[in-house]
Protein backbone atom coordinates (compact mmCIF):
# COMPACT_ATOMS: atom_id res chain seq x y z
CA UNK A 1 -12.83 -13.35 14.99
CA UNK A 2 -10.68 -15.11 12.37
CA UNK A 3 -9.98 -13.88 8.83
CA UNK A 4 -12.78 -16.08 7.37
CA UNK A 5 -15.61 -15.04 9.64
CA UNK A 6 -18.26 -12.49 8.75
CA UNK A 7 -21.30 -10.96 10.41
CA UNK A 8 -24.60 -12.40 9.28
CA UNK A 9 -27.01 -10.08 7.47
CA UNK A 10 -29.26 -10.21 10.57
CA UNK A 11 -26.79 -8.07 12.53
CA UNK A 12 -27.67 -4.42 12.44
CA UNK A 13 -25.07 -1.73 11.89
CA UNK A 14 -25.50 -0.62 15.51
CA UNK A 15 -24.92 -4.15 16.84
CA UNK A 16 -21.87 -4.63 14.59
CA UNK A 17 -20.49 -1.23 15.76
CA UNK A 18 -21.10 -2.10 19.37
CA UNK A 19 -19.47 -5.50 18.94
CA UNK A 20 -16.47 -4.01 17.10
CA UNK A 21 -15.94 -1.45 19.86
CA UNK A 22 -15.85 -4.20 22.52
CA UNK A 23 -13.20 -6.28 20.70
CA UNK A 24 -9.55 -5.66 21.56
CA UNK A 25 -7.43 -4.19 18.85
CA UNK A 26 -5.49 -6.81 16.86
CA UNK A 27 -1.79 -6.94 17.68
CA UNK A 28 0.65 -5.79 15.08
CA UNK A 29 4.18 -7.25 14.73
CA UNK A 30 6.76 -4.82 16.22
CA UNK A 31 8.59 -4.45 12.90
CA UNK A 32 5.42 -3.42 11.05
CA UNK A 33 3.91 -1.29 13.83
CA UNK A 34 5.42 2.04 12.60
CA UNK A 35 3.56 1.54 9.27
CA UNK A 36 0.11 0.80 10.78
CA UNK A 37 -2.49 3.50 10.47
CA UNK A 38 -4.21 5.85 8.13
CA UNK A 39 -1.96 8.24 6.24
CA UNK A 40 -2.98 11.29 4.06
CA UNK A 41 -0.87 13.51 1.90
CA UNK A 42 0.41 14.46 -1.47
CA UNK A 43 2.55 13.07 -4.18
CA UNK A 44 4.06 13.87 -7.56
CA UNK A 45 4.66 11.78 -10.55
CA UNK A 46 6.91 12.01 -13.59
CA UNK A 47 7.97 9.65 -16.35
CA UNK A 48 9.68 10.23 -19.71
CA UNK A 49 6.51 9.30 -21.63
CA UNK A 50 4.02 11.55 -19.74
CA UNK A 51 3.61 15.04 -18.33
CA UNK A 52 4.44 15.63 -14.65
CA UNK A 53 1.44 15.51 -12.32
CA UNK A 54 0.45 16.01 -8.71
CA UNK A 55 -2.04 14.04 -6.64
CA UNK A 56 -3.48 13.68 -3.18
CA UNK A 57 -3.41 10.23 -1.57
CA UNK A 58 -4.75 8.13 1.28
CA UNK A 59 -2.83 5.04 2.38
CA UNK A 60 -4.02 2.67 5.03
CA UNK A 61 -2.14 -0.16 6.69
CA UNK A 62 -4.76 -1.89 8.88
CA UNK A 63 -4.08 -4.53 11.57
CA UNK A 64 -5.67 -7.92 10.86
CA UNK A 65 -4.79 -9.93 13.95
CA UNK A 66 -2.33 -11.95 11.87
CA UNK A 67 1.39 -11.14 11.20
CA UNK A 68 0.46 -8.78 8.35
CA UNK A 69 -1.26 -5.46 7.65
CA UNK A 70 -3.98 -4.99 5.06
CA UNK A 71 -2.85 -2.33 2.54
CA UNK A 72 -4.96 0.11 0.54
CA UNK A 73 -3.95 3.14 -1.49
CA UNK A 74 -6.18 5.62 -3.31
CA UNK A 75 -5.16 8.77 -5.25
CA UNK A 76 -6.98 11.76 -6.69
CA UNK A 77 -6.04 14.53 -9.10
CA UNK A 78 -5.17 17.78 -7.33
CA UNK A 79 -7.85 20.41 -7.92
CA UNK A 80 -10.57 18.32 -9.63
CA UNK A 81 -10.58 15.41 -7.13
CA UNK A 82 -10.92 12.98 -10.01
CA UNK A 83 -9.88 9.43 -8.99
CA UNK A 84 -6.52 8.44 -10.48
CA UNK A 85 -5.27 5.15 -9.10
CA UNK A 86 -6.01 2.58 -6.42
CA UNK A 87 -4.35 -0.62 -5.30
CA UNK A 88 -4.66 -2.96 -2.37
CA UNK A 89 -2.92 -5.89 -0.80
CA UNK A 90 -0.91 -6.84 2.26
CA UNK A 91 2.32 -5.95 4.04
CA UNK A 92 3.52 -9.17 5.60
CA UNK A 93 6.26 -9.98 8.08
CA UNK A 94 8.12 -13.00 6.64
CA UNK A 95 11.11 -12.91 9.08
CA UNK A 96 12.11 -10.86 12.10
CA UNK A 97 13.40 -8.01 9.88
CA UNK A 98 12.03 -8.88 6.47
CA UNK A 99 8.74 -7.80 4.89
CA UNK A 100 6.79 -8.82 1.81
CA UNK A 101 4.39 -6.43 -0.02
CA UNK A 102 1.72 -8.12 -2.06
CA UNK A 103 -0.19 -5.66 -4.28
CA UNK A 104 -3.12 -6.04 -6.73
CA UNK A 105 -3.91 -3.24 -9.15
CA UNK A 106 -7.22 -2.87 -11.06
CA UNK A 107 -5.17 -2.20 -14.20
CA UNK A 108 -4.36 -5.91 -14.42
CA UNK A 109 -1.22 -6.28 -12.32
CA UNK A 110 -0.26 -8.28 -9.28
CA UNK A 111 3.08 -7.61 -7.63
CA UNK A 112 5.15 -9.31 -4.92
CA UNK A 113 8.11 -7.44 -3.38
CA UNK A 114 10.43 -8.32 -0.47
CA UNK A 115 12.85 -6.27 1.53
CA UNK A 116 14.70 -5.81 4.79
CA UNK A 117 13.17 -3.52 7.44
CA UNK A 118 15.89 -1.20 8.80
CA UNK A 119 15.22 1.78 11.03
CA UNK A 120 11.69 2.38 9.62
CA UNK A 121 12.72 1.89 5.99
CA UNK A 122 11.75 -1.02 3.69
CA UNK A 123 13.69 -1.27 0.45
CA UNK A 124 11.47 -3.54 -1.58
CA UNK A 125 12.79 -5.53 -4.52
CA UNK A 126 10.43 -7.19 -6.97
CA UNK A 127 10.04 -10.96 -6.68
CA UNK A 128 7.16 -11.34 -9.16
CA UNK A 129 5.10 -9.21 -11.49
CA UNK A 130 2.11 -10.76 -13.23
CA UNK A 131 0.02 -9.01 -15.79
CA UNK A 132 -3.30 -9.71 -17.47
CA UNK A 133 -3.07 -10.10 -21.28
CA UNK A 134 -4.35 -6.55 -21.92
CA UNK A 135 -2.38 -4.73 -19.17
CA UNK A 136 0.16 -2.03 -20.16
CA UNK A 137 3.71 -3.31 -20.86
CA UNK A 138 5.23 -2.80 -17.39
CA UNK A 139 8.32 -4.98 -16.92
CA UNK A 140 9.58 -4.13 -13.47
CA UNK A 141 8.61 -2.11 -10.34
CA UNK A 142 10.69 -1.20 -7.31
CA UNK A 143 9.35 0.44 -4.15
CA UNK A 144 10.69 2.04 -0.95
CA UNK A 145 8.65 2.83 2.14
CA UNK A 146 9.92 4.96 5.05
CA UNK A 147 8.36 6.05 8.32
CA UNK A 148 9.92 8.83 10.37
CA UNK A 149 7.80 9.99 13.29
CA UNK A 150 4.38 10.90 11.91
CA UNK A 151 5.53 10.94 8.27
CA UNK A 152 5.28 8.17 5.65
CA UNK A 153 7.23 8.68 2.42
CA UNK A 154 7.52 6.38 -0.51
CA UNK A 155 9.20 6.20 -3.89
CA UNK A 156 8.31 3.99 -6.85
CA UNK A 157 10.40 3.17 -9.94
CA UNK A 158 8.96 1.54 -13.01
CA UNK A 159 10.21 -0.01 -16.28
CA UNK A 160 7.52 0.42 -18.95
CA UNK A 161 7.67 -0.65 -22.56
CA UNK A 162 11.08 0.53 -23.87
CA UNK A 163 11.84 2.75 -20.84
CA UNK A 164 14.25 1.17 -18.33
CA UNK A 165 13.65 1.28 -14.56
CA UNK A 166 13.03 4.98 -13.91
CA UNK A 167 11.78 6.95 -10.87
CA UNK A 168 8.03 7.50 -11.33
CA UNK A 169 6.31 8.48 -8.04
CA UNK A 170 7.17 10.16 -4.73
CA UNK A 171 4.64 10.57 -1.92
CA UNK A 172 4.73 12.32 1.46
CA UNK A 173 1.88 11.49 3.84
CA UNK A 174 1.12 12.28 7.49
CA UNK A 175 -0.51 9.98 10.02
CA UNK A 176 -4.15 10.90 10.31
């Protein structure tokens, strides 16, 4: 099935499930394979202009059958379970040891980052940050992803309004 195909409405859920179970799993490029899967865990955030906060998170890097993984992240407030943030996009292999992360945020941002993949770590540098006219004044974002065994950790730095690039988020998730 290619990326543009869909099941017609005439297919029942049972037929779609049966068909999906019969299909082979899409291959994942070796360099991205450690990141593939569903990850769940916790994170904490801090920034000079806000109070520190904690959150739970689910990140999924899903195989697509192409040389990229679909990416989705969702976070919730610890205790109340109130949704906090979500974003989605793709983690693409652009060279043997280089990845590109393309991210869309519902707050009006689209990001493109690139970085070398070395020993399960991707240091991502911003290539482009586009914002809708009413998005918050974010000027720069930097990300790092790391996989060690069954653990995914990440860090995010952000430059917002008059605050220079500053560490904002750290997450530690485990493969589900």
